[in-house]
């Protein structure tokens, strides 16, 4: 057991992979294959489990060498500590970030909180606004927040997991339909149970899609709050001088377009959308180049 504990200690990724594998194995007939866990265990961690001999090959697949020892070792290394992923796919850190994001959103409606966030952000963005025209400042912030948001989404979201669960659900549905046609009640019961499990996994994948949004709001909301503060705070309000914008001509930044929507807000959203589209195109073009470079190395 000491060897297993030392293998897992300080390696949360391998520990989470080991826990997933033993869960899936015990939920079935005791065996597990790569296709059974590919939606939750990276290929690298699967290979490490095989190398560490925590999994043993059999004719029917792989079995956990000593499930009880592995369970005890997982408990000893405190897998479910602060950064352990919960049943909903969120870590404790994610949940704290979510609470902070909700607090920032609520500050839109609370003048005291809005002014606090705005004045604090002014320490960082104030020099930029003082050195550049207001319209250029808004454009640069829109582009910067879009790039940061795109990077966070690409790093935190796992589209392959959702696709894998979807494909497995499709296969199970086809097998379930075939079992019903041939009247195999035992297979129908087993596949129905598997279908319910996959539906829970799909729900977890949908929850995981929200994680990048939480961290994105921690960046975008303070920036937008600062711009709101900058245009409404009497001590630092932007002078509503007329500016010339593309397709709009000469307008005032603080002029209202529709309801509370002001010109500078429209300009911010336009810059965000354009930079988002261009950023996605750049990423799509860069991916083959990066893949080719890695394969060559």
Protein backbone atom coordinates (compact mmCIF):
# COMPACT_ATOMS: atom_id res chain seq x y z
CA UNK A 1 0.00 0.00 0.00
CA UNK A 2 2.88 2.34 0.71
CA UNK A 3 4.01 2.02 -2.89
CA UNK A 4 0.54 2.92 -4.16
CA UNK A 5 0.32 5.88 -1.78
CA UNK A 6 3.71 7.18 -2.88
CA UNK A 7 2.69 6.84 -6.51
CA UNK A 8 -0.42 8.94 -5.99
CA UNK A 9 0.91 11.43 -3.45
CA UNK A 10 1.18 14.96 -4.84
CA UNK A 11 -0.19 13.85 -8.23
CA UNK A 12 -3.84 14.91 -8.30
CA UNK A 13 -4.23 14.18 -12.01
CA UNK A 14 -3.15 10.55 -11.63
CA UNK A 15 -5.21 10.17 -8.45
CA UNK A 16 -8.36 11.46 -10.16
CA UNK A 17 -7.72 9.12 -13.08
CA UNK A 18 -7.25 6.18 -10.70
CA UNK A 19 -10.46 7.01 -8.85
CA UNK A 20 -12.42 7.24 -12.10
CA UNK A 21 -11.04 3.90 -13.30
CA UNK A 22 -11.85 2.06 -10.09
CA UNK A 23 -15.35 3.61 -10.01
CA UNK A 24 -16.09 2.50 -13.57
CA UNK A 25 -14.66 -0.96 -12.95
CA UNK A 26 -16.74 -1.51 -9.82
CA UNK A 27 -19.86 -0.16 -11.55
CA UNK A 28 -19.53 -2.88 -14.18
CA UNK A 29 -18.19 -6.41 -14.05
CA UNK A 30 -14.86 -5.45 -12.51
CA UNK A 31 -13.07 -4.88 -15.79
CA UNK A 32 -12.40 -1.61 -17.56
CA UNK A 33 -11.09 -0.60 -20.97
CA UNK A 34 -9.84 2.67 -22.39
CA UNK A 35 -13.14 3.25 -24.19
CA UNK A 36 -14.95 3.06 -20.82
CA UNK A 37 -13.01 5.97 -19.33
CA UNK A 38 -11.79 7.97 -22.33
CA UNK A 39 -14.40 10.66 -21.63
CA UNK A 40 -12.92 11.40 -18.19
CA UNK A 41 -9.33 10.12 -18.16
CA UNK A 42 -6.68 11.66 -20.44
CA UNK A 43 -4.68 9.21 -22.51
CA UNK A 44 -1.50 10.26 -20.73
CA UNK A 45 -2.92 9.32 -17.31
CA UNK A 46 -4.28 6.02 -18.67
CA UNK A 47 -0.79 5.16 -19.87
CA UNK A 48 0.67 6.07 -16.48
CA UNK A 49 -1.83 3.79 -14.74
CA UNK A 50 -0.68 0.92 -16.93
CA UNK A 51 2.98 1.73 -16.35
CA UNK A 52 2.48 1.88 -12.58
CA UNK A 53 0.82 -1.56 -12.74
CA UNK A 54 -2.25 -0.30 -10.91
CA UNK A 55 -4.13 -1.90 -13.81
CA UNK A 56 -3.51 -5.48 -14.86
CA UNK A 57 -4.35 -6.80 -18.32
CA UNK A 58 -6.74 -9.74 -18.68
CA UNK A 59 -8.49 -11.39 -21.61
CA UNK A 60 -11.65 -9.33 -20.95
CA UNK A 61 -9.86 -6.01 -20.47
CA UNK A 62 -8.07 -4.50 -17.49
CA UNK A 63 -8.75 -4.99 -13.80
CA UNK A 64 -7.59 -2.95 -10.84
CA UNK A 65 -4.78 -4.90 -9.19
CA UNK A 66 -5.99 -4.28 -5.62
CA UNK A 67 -9.15 -2.13 -5.44
CA UNK A 68 -9.28 -1.97 -1.63
CA UNK A 69 -5.68 -0.84 -1.36
CA UNK A 70 -6.20 1.72 -4.09
CA UNK A 71 -9.29 3.10 -2.33
CA UNK A 72 -7.40 3.40 0.94
CA UNK A 73 -4.49 5.12 -0.81
CA UNK A 74 -6.85 7.60 -2.48
CA UNK A 75 -8.33 8.46 0.90
CA UNK A 76 -4.87 8.87 2.42
CA UNK A 77 -3.70 11.37 -0.19
CA UNK A 78 -6.89 13.38 0.38
CA UNK A 79 -7.99 13.39 -3.20
CA UNK A 80 -11.14 15.28 -2.35
CA UNK A 81 -9.29 18.26 -0.88
CA UNK A 82 -9.52 21.84 -2.10
CA UNK A 83 -8.71 21.20 -5.74
CA UNK A 84 -10.49 17.87 -6.10
CA UNK A 85 -13.26 17.80 -8.67
CA UNK A 86 -16.68 17.26 -7.15
CA UNK A 87 -19.63 15.32 -8.51
CA UNK A 88 -20.71 18.38 -10.47
CA UNK A 89 -17.32 18.75 -12.15
CA UNK A 90 -16.42 21.86 -10.14
CA UNK A 91 -13.55 22.23 -7.69
CA UNK A 92 -13.83 24.28 -4.54
CA UNK A 93 -11.73 26.93 -6.25
CA UNK A 94 -14.24 27.04 -9.12
CA UNK A 95 -17.10 27.55 -6.68
CA UNK A 96 -15.29 30.38 -4.91
CA UNK A 97 -14.64 32.00 -8.28
CA UNK A 98 -18.33 31.59 -9.12
CA UNK A 99 -19.39 33.36 -5.92
CA UNK A 100 -16.96 36.21 -6.66
CA UNK A 101 -18.32 36.49 -10.22
CA UNK A 102 -21.89 36.69 -8.94
CA UNK A 103 -20.81 39.38 -6.48
CA UNK A 104 -19.26 41.40 -9.29
CA UNK A 105 -22.42 41.10 -11.38
CA UNK A 106 -24.54 42.19 -8.41
CA UNK A 107 -22.36 45.27 -8.01
CA UNK A 108 -23.87 46.63 -11.24
CA UNK A 109 -27.01 47.38 -9.26
CA UNK A 110 -25.31 48.55 -6.04
CA UNK A 111 -23.73 51.99 -6.44
CA UNK A 112 -21.39 51.58 -3.46
CA UNK A 113 -20.00 48.28 -4.77
CA UNK A 114 -19.82 49.62 -8.32
CA UNK A 115 -17.85 52.67 -7.20
CA UNK A 116 -15.55 50.51 -5.10
CA UNK A 117 -14.73 48.20 -8.00
CA UNK A 118 -14.45 51.12 -10.41
CA UNK A 119 -12.09 53.14 -8.25
CA UNK A 120 -9.94 50.08 -7.57
CA UNK A 121 -9.74 49.25 -11.29
CA UNK A 122 -8.90 52.88 -12.01
CA UNK A 123 -5.54 52.37 -10.32
CA UNK A 124 -4.70 49.90 -13.11
CA UNK A 125 -6.53 51.32 -16.12
CA UNK A 126 -6.39 55.03 -15.25
CA UNK A 127 -2.92 55.62 -16.74
CA UNK A 128 -4.03 53.96 -19.98
CA UNK A 129 -7.11 56.18 -20.26
CA UNK A 130 -5.02 59.27 -19.48
CA UNK A 131 -2.54 58.48 -22.24
CA UNK A 132 -5.00 57.43 -24.96
CA UNK A 133 -8.27 58.77 -26.37
CA UNK A 134 -11.31 57.27 -24.70
CA UNK A 135 -12.47 55.46 -27.84
CA UNK A 136 -9.09 53.81 -28.31
CA UNK A 137 -9.01 52.82 -24.64
CA UNK A 138 -12.40 51.13 -24.98
CA UNK A 139 -11.27 49.30 -28.13
CA UNK A 140 -8.03 48.07 -26.54
CA UNK A 141 -9.83 46.83 -23.43
CA UNK A 142 -12.46 45.08 -25.54
CA UNK A 143 -9.78 43.29 -27.57
CA UNK A 144 -7.75 42.42 -24.46
CA UNK A 145 -10.71 40.98 -22.56
CA UNK A 146 -11.78 39.01 -25.61
CA UNK A 147 -8.32 37.48 -26.00
CA UNK A 148 -8.17 36.60 -22.32
CA UNK A 149 -11.68 35.10 -22.44
CA UNK A 150 -10.84 33.04 -25.53
CA UNK A 151 -7.68 31.73 -23.89
CA UNK A 152 -9.53 30.79 -20.71
CA UNK A 153 -12.26 28.99 -22.64
CA UNK A 154 -9.73 27.03 -24.68
CA UNK A 155 -7.82 25.97 -21.57
CA UNK A 156 -10.73 25.23 -19.25
CA UNK A 157 -13.30 23.72 -21.60
CA UNK A 158 -13.00 20.16 -22.84
CA UNK A 159 -15.05 19.74 -25.99
CA UNK A 160 -13.61 16.27 -26.55
CA UNK A 161 -15.24 15.03 -23.35
CA UNK A 162 -18.69 16.22 -24.44
CA UNK A 163 -18.24 14.66 -27.86
CA UNK A 164 -17.07 11.38 -26.34
CA UNK A 165 -20.10 11.20 -24.04
CA UNK A 166 -22.38 12.02 -26.96
CA UNK A 167 -20.89 9.28 -29.13
CA UNK A 168 -21.12 6.73 -26.33
CA UNK A 169 -24.74 7.70 -25.69
CA UNK A 170 -25.48 7.14 -29.38
CA UNK A 171 -23.85 3.72 -29.34
CA UNK A 172 -25.72 2.69 -26.19
CA UNK A 173 -29.02 3.88 -27.68
CA UNK A 174 -28.44 1.81 -30.81
CA UNK A 175 -27.53 -1.27 -28.77
CA UNK A 176 -30.57 -0.72 -26.53
CA UNK A 177 -32.87 -0.54 -29.53
CA UNK A 178 -31.39 -3.75 -30.92
CA UNK A 179 -31.79 -5.49 -27.55
CA UNK A 180 -35.45 -4.49 -27.39
CA UNK A 181 -36.07 -5.77 -30.92
CA UNK A 182 -34.64 -9.19 -30.11
CA UNK A 183 -36.36 -9.31 -26.70
CA UNK A 184 -33.20 -9.56 -24.60
CA UNK A 185 -34.56 -8.25 -21.28
CA UNK A 186 -31.26 -8.68 -19.43
CA UNK A 187 -29.40 -6.59 -22.00
CA UNK A 188 -32.20 -3.99 -21.98
CA UNK A 189 -31.92 -3.61 -18.22
CA UNK A 190 -28.13 -3.35 -18.33
CA UNK A 191 -28.11 -0.87 -21.22
CA UNK A 192 -30.89 1.23 -19.67
CA UNK A 193 -28.79 1.55 -16.52
CA UNK A 194 -25.79 2.51 -18.62
CA UNK A 195 -27.89 5.07 -20.48
CA UNK A 196 -28.92 6.72 -17.20
CA UNK A 197 -25.28 6.87 -16.15
CA UNK A 198 -24.32 8.54 -19.42
CA UNK A 199 -27.15 11.04 -19.01
CA UNK A 200 -25.65 12.03 -15.65
CA UNK A 201 -22.28 12.40 -17.34
CA UNK A 202 -23.85 14.63 -19.99
CA UNK A 203 -25.31 16.81 -17.26
CA UNK A 204 -21.90 17.04 -15.65
CA UNK A 205 -20.35 18.01 -18.98
CA UNK A 206 -22.94 20.76 -19.39
CA UNK A 207 -22.09 22.07 -15.92
CA UNK A 208 -18.41 21.99 -16.83
CA UNK A 209 -19.17 24.26 -19.80
CA UNK A 210 -20.03 27.04 -17.34
CA UNK A 211 -16.62 26.94 -15.62
CA UNK A 212 -14.80 29.01 -18.27
CA UNK A 213 -17.60 31.58 -18.15
CA UNK A 214 -17.02 32.09 -14.42
CA UNK A 215 -13.34 32.91 -14.84
CA UNK A 216 -14.10 35.02 -17.88
CA UNK A 217 -16.48 37.16 -15.83
CA UNK A 218 -13.73 37.77 -13.28
CA UNK A 219 -11.89 39.58 -16.07
CA UNK A 220 -14.62 41.20 -18.14
CA UNK A 221 -16.93 42.41 -15.38
CA UNK A 222 -14.35 44.62 -13.59
CA UNK A 223 -13.32 46.15 -16.92
CA UNK A 224 -16.90 46.96 -17.87
CA UNK A 225 -17.65 48.25 -14.36
CA UNK A 226 -14.66 50.57 -14.61
CA UNK A 227 -15.90 51.95 -17.92
CA UNK A 228 -19.35 52.52 -16.39
CA UNK A 229 -17.74 54.22 -13.39
CA UNK A 230 -15.54 56.31 -15.66
CA UNK A 231 -18.53 57.68 -17.60
CA UNK A 232 -20.73 58.35 -14.56
CA UNK A 233 -18.42 59.30 -11.70
CA UNK A 234 -18.32 63.12 -11.44
CA UNK A 235 -14.68 63.06 -10.30
CA UNK A 236 -13.47 61.17 -13.35
CA UNK A 237 -16.29 61.35 -15.86
CA UNK A 238 -15.34 61.29 -19.51
CA UNK A 239 -16.01 64.56 -21.23
CA UNK A 240 -18.88 63.82 -23.62
CA UNK A 241 -17.19 65.34 -26.63
CA UNK A 242 -18.27 64.42 -30.10
CA UNK A 243 -16.28 61.69 -31.84
CA UNK A 244 -16.32 60.37 -35.38
CA UNK A 245 -17.07 56.66 -35.55
CA UNK A 246 -17.22 54.36 -38.59
CA UNK A 247 -20.69 54.25 -40.16
CA UNK A 248 -22.05 56.50 -37.41
CA UNK A 249 -20.42 59.83 -38.10
CA UNK A 250 -20.07 62.42 -35.37
CA UNK A 251 -21.54 61.18 -32.07
CA UNK A 252 -21.13 61.68 -28.32
CA UNK A 253 -19.74 58.75 -26.32
CA UNK A 254 -22.30 59.01 -23.54
CA UNK A 255 -25.28 59.49 -25.86
CA UNK A 256 -27.98 56.84 -25.41
CA UNK A 257 -28.75 54.56 -28.34
CA UNK A 258 -31.49 52.27 -27.01
CA UNK A 259 -32.63 52.38 -23.39
CA UNK A 260 -29.59 52.47 -21.12
CA UNK A 261 -27.29 51.45 -23.97
CA UNK A 262 -24.78 54.21 -24.68
CA UNK A 263 -22.56 54.78 -27.69
CA UNK A 264 -19.40 53.65 -25.92
CA UNK A 265 -21.10 50.36 -24.96
CA UNK A 266 -21.99 49.69 -28.58
CA UNK A 267 -18.41 50.50 -29.57
CA UNK A 268 -17.13 48.09 -26.90
CA UNK A 269 -19.37 45.24 -28.09
CA UNK A 270 -18.47 45.82 -31.74
CA UNK A 271 -14.75 45.66 -30.95
CA UNK A 272 -15.31 42.51 -28.84
CA UNK A 273 -17.24 40.73 -31.58
CA UNK A 274 -14.74 41.62 -34.30
CA UNK A 275 -11.73 40.58 -32.20
CA UNK A 276 -13.51 37.35 -31.22
CA UNK A 277 -14.15 36.42 -34.84
CA UNK A 278 -10.59 37.26 -35.89
CA UNK A 279 -9.19 35.41 -32.87
CA UNK A 280 -11.11 32.23 -33.68
CA UNK A 281 -9.93 32.33 -37.26
CA UNK A 282 -6.34 32.77 -36.12
CA UNK A 283 -6.66 29.83 -33.72
CA UNK A 284 -8.12 27.58 -36.43
CA UNK A 285 -5.25 28.43 -38.75
CA UNK A 286 -2.63 28.02 -36.05
CA UNK A 287 -3.79 24.61 -34.81
CA UNK A 288 -2.54 22.64 -37.89
CA UNK A 289 0.80 24.43 -37.70
CA UNK A 290 1.20 23.68 -34.01
CA UNK A 291 0.17 20.04 -34.52
CA UNK A 292 2.64 19.68 -37.38
CA UNK A 293 5.41 21.20 -35.28
CA UNK A 294 4.71 18.89 -32.34
CA UNK A 295 4.57 15.80 -34.55
CA UNK A 296 7.89 16.81 -36.11
CA UNK A 297 9.49 17.26 -32.71
